[in-house]
Amino acid sequence: MKGSILDIKNLRVDFHTVDGTARVLNGVDLSIGENEVVGLVGESSCGKSVTAKTVLNTLSVPPAEIINGDIYINGLNILDYGVKERDIHVRGSVSYVPQDPMTSLNPVFTIGHQMIDLIKWQDKKSADLRSFFRIGIRNDSARDTAVEVLKRVHLPSPEEILKRYPIELSGGMRQRVLIAMSLIGKRFLLIADEPTTALDVTVQKNILNLIEEKVREENLSVLYITHDLGVAKRLCGRIYVMYGGDIIETAETRDLLVNPLHPYTRGLISSIPKLMSEKFDGIDGRIPDYIDPPGGCRFYPRCNQMMDICRRVKPDFAKSNKSNKVACHLYPTGKNIKSE
């Protein structure tokens, strides 16, 4: 792996609710190198989007609270800074593609209005709205930039698209607009949070092709969040598996899919429906209650290989003789696991 673009170390995030404190992220470690596409996979409500929002500095504080950890973006620990300074660094470094383009674009403004505002706003070092209206970028210059980035994502008639409202575009076109907006400026890290979930299969394929193309052309590093292992297999060189706010296994994509080690990873893979089979396995149970999470390994209530130690002690990572690292008491820490 080349130089590190994103390093998350021992990140813990709680949410204070009327029912109690939800301990959502439980010591997350994750890294992405230059020009690397890394997948973050797991069931819904496992903490994937909370991880992304913490990096993006968009958590609502309160009720969220960062209890511990470090987030290094291009070598700078953004958690050493206040919220405003953190926001300036993130806006200049990280782009974001959300999963639902219809709720991410403002329905009462045209595409052009929203893109031009973003182009004007992107390089501001202050979040003072009064200064925003004094920015000296002409609308025609910003419009030319908007047309150019729409061309880069292969949208037809970009001048006409700028005049339209989000409701006038298809789901695939709206998602391309969001990808175009993520390419504005000189960002080096893209966080894509299940950007094809709301799209049909044909449009999904086109969006994945576009993301692959832009990663190559723009020299981007990508954190791709998904629950779809098929998409992760196609896009990602490495995968992190998250369960209950913990990273429980990581490996190069082929090693993970061919030789999964953690019982949860095996369950995810066996849950994928097979074209030639009428039956497929699932994982019994549900995601833990974060207000009263299990002690030790958070997966043990659903694990068919659970041991007594799993109830009491959170497992450390052990390494295999391939690229796998797994946090599970089935594998002794400090010893090299022999992978098949």
Protein backbone atom coordinates (compact mmCIF):
# COMPACT_ATOMS: atom_id res chain seq x y z
CA MET A 1 0.00 0.00 0.00
CA LYS A 2 1.22 3.49 -0.88
CA GLY A 3 1.20 6.46 1.46
CA SER A 4 -1.83 6.65 3.70
CA ILE A 5 -4.71 8.98 2.79
CA LEU A 6 -7.08 8.04 5.61
CA ASP A 7 -6.18 6.45 8.96
CA ILE A 8 -8.83 5.82 11.60
CA LYS A 9 -7.48 4.60 14.93
CA ASN A 10 -9.49 3.27 17.90
CA LEU A 11 -12.51 5.44 17.07
CA ARG A 12 -15.31 5.32 19.64
CA VAL A 13 -18.59 7.20 19.18
CA ASP A 14 -21.56 7.27 21.57
CA PHE A 15 -25.06 8.65 21.12
CA HIS A 16 -26.85 10.07 24.15
CA THR A 17 -30.58 9.30 23.90
CA VAL A 18 -33.59 9.49 26.21
CA ASP A 19 -33.29 5.72 26.69
CA GLY A 20 -29.61 5.81 27.60
CA THR A 21 -26.19 5.98 25.97
CA ALA A 22 -25.82 4.00 22.74
CA ARG A 23 -22.22 2.83 22.34
CA VAL A 24 -22.18 2.59 18.56
CA LEU A 25 -18.55 2.66 17.36
CA ASN A 26 -16.48 0.41 19.58
CA GLY A 27 -12.85 1.11 18.64
CA VAL A 28 -12.76 1.22 14.82
CA ASP A 29 -9.42 0.92 12.99
CA LEU A 30 -9.32 1.47 9.22
CA SER A 31 -6.83 2.76 6.66
CA ILE A 32 -6.83 3.69 2.97
CA GLY A 33 -3.75 4.21 0.80
CA GLU A 34 -3.21 6.45 -2.21
CA ASN A 35 -5.40 5.52 -5.21
CA GLU A 36 -6.88 2.62 -3.26
CA VAL A 37 -10.54 1.57 -3.23
CA VAL A 38 -11.48 0.05 0.12
CA GLY A 39 -14.85 -1.49 0.96
CA LEU A 40 -16.64 -1.25 4.30
CA VAL A 41 -19.30 -3.97 4.40
CA GLY A 42 -21.82 -5.28 6.89
CA GLU A 43 -25.52 -5.41 7.63
CA SER A 44 -27.62 -2.28 8.03
CA SER A 45 -27.14 -0.53 11.40
CA CYS A 46 -23.62 -1.92 11.89
CA GLY A 47 -22.05 1.55 12.12
CA LYS A 48 -20.84 2.03 8.55
CA SER A 49 -22.56 5.36 7.93
CA VAL A 50 -21.68 6.63 11.42
CA THR A 51 -18.03 5.97 10.56
CA ALA A 52 -18.39 7.97 7.34
CA LYS A 53 -20.20 10.85 9.05
CA THR A 54 -17.50 11.04 11.71
CA VAL A 55 -14.83 11.40 9.03
CA LEU A 56 -16.96 13.97 7.20
CA ASN A 57 -17.55 15.94 10.41
CA THR A 58 -21.32 15.79 9.89
CA LEU A 59 -22.38 14.02 13.09
CA SER A 60 -25.02 15.88 15.08
CA VAL A 61 -23.28 16.88 18.33
CA PRO A 62 -25.21 16.32 20.54
CA PRO A 63 -26.56 13.61 20.65
CA ALA A 64 -23.36 12.13 19.16
CA GLU A 65 -20.08 12.32 21.09
CA ILE A 66 -16.63 11.22 19.94
CA ILE A 67 -15.30 9.44 23.02
CA ASN A 68 -11.87 8.43 21.77
CA GLY A 69 -9.74 7.93 18.68
CA ASP A 70 -7.85 9.64 15.88
CA ILE A 71 -8.77 10.39 12.27
CA TYR A 72 -5.79 11.24 10.07
CA ILE A 73 -6.59 12.71 6.65
CA ASN A 74 -3.41 13.04 4.60
CA GLY A 75 -1.36 12.94 7.80
CA LEU A 76 -3.38 15.56 9.74
CA ASN A 77 -5.37 14.42 12.77
CA ILE A 78 -8.62 16.34 12.28
CA LEU A 79 -9.82 15.49 15.79
CA ASP A 80 -7.07 17.71 17.19
CA TYR A 81 -8.99 20.72 15.88
CA GLY A 82 -12.27 22.43 16.71
CA VAL A 83 -15.40 21.79 14.68
CA LYS A 84 -14.98 24.79 12.35
CA GLU A 85 -11.29 24.15 11.61
CA ARG A 86 -12.07 20.47 11.13
CA ASP A 87 -14.81 21.36 8.65
CA ILE A 88 -12.45 23.51 6.57
CA HIS A 89 -9.93 20.68 6.23
CA VAL A 90 -12.57 18.07 5.40
CA ARG A 91 -14.25 20.29 2.78
CA GLY A 92 -10.91 20.76 1.05
CA SER A 93 -9.99 17.09 1.08
CA VAL A 94 -13.01 14.78 1.06
CA SER A 95 -15.93 14.33 -1.32
CA TYR A 96 -19.12 12.47 -0.50
CA VAL A 97 -21.68 10.59 -2.59
CA PRO A 98 -24.80 9.68 -0.56
CA GLN A 99 -27.09 6.72 -1.16
CA ASP A 100 -30.32 8.59 -1.98
CA PRO A 101 -29.91 11.34 -4.60
CA MET A 102 -33.51 12.52 -4.35
CA THR A 103 -33.22 13.47 -0.68
CA SER A 104 -29.69 14.83 -1.09
CA LEU A 105 -30.54 17.42 -3.74
CA ASN A 106 -32.73 20.36 -2.74
CA PRO A 107 -36.05 19.98 -4.61
CA VAL A 108 -36.81 23.72 -4.74
CA PHE A 109 -33.59 24.78 -6.52
CA THR A 110 -32.38 23.90 -9.99
CA ILE A 111 -29.35 21.69 -10.51
CA GLY A 112 -27.47 24.73 -11.80
CA HIS A 113 -28.31 26.82 -8.72
CA GLN A 114 -27.02 24.08 -6.40
CA MET A 115 -23.86 23.37 -8.38
CA ILE A 116 -22.95 27.03 -8.78
CA ASP A 117 -23.40 27.62 -5.06
CA LEU A 118 -21.10 24.66 -4.35
CA ILE A 119 -18.45 25.96 -6.75
CA LYS A 120 -18.54 29.38 -5.06
CA TRP A 121 -18.50 27.92 -1.56
CA GLN A 122 -15.90 25.16 -1.90
CA ASP A 123 -12.74 27.21 -1.32
CA LYS A 124 -14.05 29.47 1.42
CA LYS A 125 -12.06 29.26 4.63
CA SER A 126 -14.93 30.69 6.64
CA ALA A 127 -18.41 29.32 7.22
CA ASP A 128 -19.80 32.86 7.59
CA LEU A 129 -22.89 33.07 5.37
CA ARG A 130 -22.57 36.83 5.05
CA SER A 131 -19.20 36.42 3.39
CA PHE A 132 -20.65 33.83 1.01
CA PHE A 133 -22.76 36.46 -0.74
CA ARG A 134 -19.69 38.64 -1.25
CA ILE A 135 -17.66 35.95 -3.05
CA GLY A 136 -16.20 37.41 -6.18
CA ILE A 137 -16.73 34.45 -8.54
CA ARG A 138 -18.96 35.38 -11.45
CA ASN A 139 -21.95 33.17 -12.13
CA ASP A 140 -20.93 32.62 -15.76
CA SER A 141 -17.50 31.32 -14.69
CA ALA A 142 -19.07 29.00 -12.13
CA ARG A 143 -21.62 27.86 -14.70
CA ASP A 144 -18.82 26.95 -17.13
CA THR A 145 -17.24 24.84 -14.38
CA ALA A 146 -20.58 23.13 -13.68
CA VAL A 147 -21.04 22.28 -17.37
CA GLU A 148 -17.53 20.85 -17.50
CA VAL A 149 -17.98 18.51 -14.53
CA LEU A 150 -21.35 17.31 -15.87
CA LYS A 151 -19.58 16.43 -19.13
CA ARG A 152 -17.01 14.46 -17.11
CA VAL A 153 -19.77 12.15 -15.84
CA HIS A 154 -21.19 11.72 -19.37
CA LEU A 155 -24.49 13.50 -18.83
CA PRO A 156 -26.07 14.55 -22.14
CA SER A 157 -26.95 18.22 -22.73
CA PRO A 158 -25.37 19.51 -19.51
CA GLU A 159 -26.51 23.09 -20.21
CA GLU A 160 -30.11 21.89 -20.18
CA ILE A 161 -29.63 19.78 -17.06
CA LEU A 162 -28.48 22.88 -15.16
CA LYS A 163 -31.91 24.40 -15.80
CA ARG A 164 -33.82 21.41 -14.44
CA TYR A 165 -35.06 20.59 -10.95
CA PRO A 166 -34.10 17.25 -9.35
CA ILE A 167 -37.61 15.84 -9.82
CA GLU A 168 -37.21 16.28 -13.60
CA LEU A 169 -34.25 13.87 -13.70
CA SER A 170 -34.17 10.08 -13.44
CA GLY A 171 -32.55 8.38 -10.45
CA GLY A 172 -29.44 7.53 -12.46
CA MET A 173 -29.10 11.10 -13.73
CA ARG A 174 -29.47 12.50 -10.21
CA GLN A 175 -26.76 10.15 -8.97
CA ARG A 176 -24.46 11.26 -11.80
CA VAL A 177 -25.09 14.88 -10.77
CA LEU A 178 -24.00 14.02 -7.20
CA ILE A 179 -20.88 12.28 -8.51
CA ALA A 180 -20.15 15.35 -10.65
CA MET A 181 -20.52 17.56 -7.57
CA SER A 182 -18.07 15.32 -5.71
CA LEU A 183 -15.49 16.00 -8.44
CA ILE A 184 -15.62 19.78 -8.00
CA GLY A 185 -12.34 21.02 -6.56
CA LYS A 186 -9.17 19.05 -5.89
CA ARG A 187 -10.36 16.33 -3.51
CA PHE A 188 -8.26 13.20 -3.01
CA LEU A 189 -10.64 11.07 -0.93
CA LEU A 190 -14.15 10.02 -1.97
CA ILE A 191 -16.61 8.46 0.48
CA ALA A 192 -19.46 6.69 -1.33
CA ASP A 193 -22.24 5.55 1.01
CA GLU A 194 -24.17 2.85 -0.88
CA PRO A 195 -24.67 5.15 -3.90
CA THR A 196 -26.45 2.51 -6.01
CA THR A 197 -28.94 1.23 -3.41
CA ALA A 198 -31.95 3.16 -4.77
CA LEU A 199 -31.23 2.35 -8.43
CA ASP A 200 -32.30 -0.51 -10.68
CA VAL A 201 -29.75 -3.10 -11.82
CA THR A 202 -29.02 -1.59 -15.25
CA VAL A 203 -28.52 1.93 -13.89
CA GLN A 204 -26.48 0.50 -11.01
CA LYS A 205 -24.04 -1.04 -13.49
CA ASN A 206 -23.61 2.28 -15.29
CA ILE A 207 -22.94 4.12 -12.03
CA LEU A 208 -20.35 1.53 -10.98
CA ASN A 209 -18.66 1.88 -14.38
CA LEU A 210 -18.59 5.64 -13.86
CA ILE A 211 -17.09 5.38 -10.38
CA GLU A 212 -14.36 3.03 -11.67
CA GLU A 213 -13.59 5.43 -14.49
CA LYS A 214 -13.42 8.50 -12.24
CA VAL A 215 -11.20 6.69 -9.71
CA ARG A 216 -8.68 6.05 -12.48
CA GLU A 217 -8.88 9.45 -14.13
CA GLU A 218 -9.01 11.59 -10.99
CA ASN A 219 -6.48 9.54 -8.94
CA LEU A 220 -8.94 9.20 -6.08
CA SER A 221 -8.82 7.09 -2.97
CA VAL A 222 -12.25 5.69 -2.11
CA LEU A 223 -14.07 4.38 0.94
CA TYR A 224 -17.00 2.47 -0.56
CA ILE A 225 -19.71 1.61 1.97
CA THR A 226 -22.06 -1.20 1.00
CA HIS A 227 -23.92 -4.27 2.20
CA ASP A 228 -23.59 -5.81 -1.29
CA LEU A 229 -20.56 -8.11 -1.45
CA GLY A 230 -20.96 -8.39 -5.24
CA VAL A 231 -20.38 -4.66 -5.62
CA ALA A 232 -17.47 -4.78 -3.16
CA LYS A 233 -15.90 -7.64 -5.14
CA ARG A 234 -16.01 -5.59 -8.31
CA LEU A 235 -14.77 -2.25 -7.01
CA CYS A 236 -12.60 -2.85 -3.95
CA GLY A 237 -9.02 -4.03 -3.58
CA ARG A 238 -9.46 -4.53 0.17
CA ILE A 239 -12.49 -5.01 2.39
CA TYR A 240 -13.22 -4.27 6.03
CA VAL A 241 -16.09 -6.23 7.59
CA MET A 242 -17.99 -4.33 10.30
CA TYR A 243 -20.37 -5.79 12.85
CA GLY A 244 -22.01 -4.01 15.78
CA GLY A 245 -19.62 -1.05 15.60
CA ASP A 246 -16.50 -3.26 15.45
CA ILE A 247 -14.17 -4.12 12.56
CA ILE A 248 -14.08 -7.91 12.86
CA GLU A 249 -12.10 -8.90 9.73
CA THR A 250 -10.12 -7.29 6.94
CA ALA A 251 -8.32 -8.72 3.92
CA GLU A 252 -7.65 -8.27 0.25
CA THR A 253 -10.93 -8.85 -1.53
CA ARG A 254 -10.08 -12.20 -3.11
CA ASP A 255 -8.67 -13.63 0.14
CA LEU A 256 -11.74 -12.51 2.06
CA LEU A 257 -14.26 -13.99 -0.36
CA VAL A 258 -12.37 -17.24 -1.03
CA ASN A 259 -11.27 -17.89 2.56
CA PRO A 260 -13.36 -15.94 5.09
CA LEU A 261 -12.27 -16.58 8.68
CA HIS A 262 -14.75 -14.86 10.99
CA PRO A 263 -18.09 -16.68 11.49
CA TYR A 264 -19.91 -13.43 10.69
CA THR A 265 -18.04 -12.99 7.39
CA ARG A 266 -18.84 -16.59 6.48
CA GLY A 267 -22.48 -15.90 7.31
CA LEU A 268 -22.57 -12.83 5.08
CA ILE A 269 -21.14 -14.76 2.15
CA SER A 270 -23.43 -17.75 2.64
CA SER A 271 -26.42 -15.36 2.80
CA ILE A 272 -25.95 -14.37 -0.86
CA PRO A 273 -28.70 -16.04 -2.95
CA LYS A 274 -27.32 -18.50 -5.51
CA LEU A 275 -28.76 -18.55 -9.02
CA MET A 276 -28.82 -22.38 -9.23
CA SER A 277 -30.00 -23.00 -5.67
CA GLU A 278 -33.47 -22.69 -4.17
CA LYS A 279 -32.11 -22.23 -0.66
CA PHE A 280 -29.50 -20.00 0.92
CA ASP A 281 -28.29 -19.66 4.47
CA GLY A 282 -28.75 -16.60 6.64
CA ILE A 283 -27.56 -15.40 10.04
CA ASP A 284 -29.96 -15.97 12.90
CA GLY A 285 -30.66 -13.10 15.29
CA ARG A 286 -30.25 -9.36 14.92
CA ILE A 287 -27.81 -6.49 15.40
CA PRO A 288 -27.12 -5.87 19.13
CA ASP A 289 -28.82 -3.22 21.20
CA TYR A 290 -26.19 -0.47 21.39
CA ILE A 291 -27.59 0.85 24.66
CA ASP A 292 -26.94 -2.53 26.29
CA PRO A 293 -24.44 -4.26 23.97
CA PRO A 294 -23.04 -7.74 24.69
CA GLY A 295 -19.77 -7.87 26.61
CA GLY A 296 -16.71 -9.32 24.92
CA CYS A 297 -17.38 -10.09 21.26
CA ARG A 298 -20.54 -8.33 20.14
CA PHE A 299 -21.32 -11.14 17.68
CA TYR A 300 -21.37 -13.98 20.21
CA PRO A 301 -25.20 -14.07 20.74
CA ARG A 302 -25.57 -14.96 17.03
CA CYS A 303 -22.47 -17.14 16.66
CA ASN A 304 -22.78 -20.92 16.34
CA GLN A 305 -19.13 -21.32 17.44
CA MET A 306 -19.41 -19.20 20.58
CA MET A 307 -17.13 -20.05 23.53
CA ASP A 308 -17.27 -18.84 27.12
CA ILE A 309 -14.41 -16.38 26.59
CA CYS A 310 -16.45 -14.67 23.86
CA ARG A 311 -18.87 -13.39 26.51
CA ARG A 312 -16.13 -11.78 28.58
CA VAL A 313 -13.21 -10.62 26.41
CA LYS A 314 -13.16 -8.54 23.24
CA PRO A 315 -10.88 -10.42 20.78
CA ASP A 316 -7.71 -8.87 19.37
CA PHE A 317 -6.65 -9.21 15.75
CA ALA A 318 -4.75 -12.28 14.57
CA LYS A 319 -3.09 -12.57 11.14
CA SER A 320 -3.33 -15.36 8.60
CA ASN A 321 -0.62 -16.43 6.16
CA LYS A 322 -2.58 -14.55 3.51
CA SER A 323 -3.84 -10.98 3.88
CA ASN A 324 -6.61 -11.73 6.39
CA LYS A 325 -6.66 -10.14 9.85
CA VAL A 326 -9.47 -11.38 12.05
CA ALA A 327 -10.71 -10.50 15.53
CA CYS A 328 -12.10 -13.79 16.83
CA HIS A 329 -11.24 -16.08 19.75
CA LEU A 330 -11.19 -19.04 17.34
CA TYR A 331 -7.79 -17.74 16.24
CA PRO A 332 -5.05 -17.22 18.87
CA THR A 333 -3.56 -13.73 18.84
CA GLY A 334 0.12 -13.62 17.94
CA LYS A 335 0.09 -16.86 15.94
CA ASN A 336 -0.03 -17.02 12.16
CA ILE A 337 -3.30 -18.60 11.01
CA LYS A 338 -2.96 -21.19 8.27
CA SER A 339 -5.45 -20.35 5.55
CA GLU A 340 -6.75 -22.93 3.16
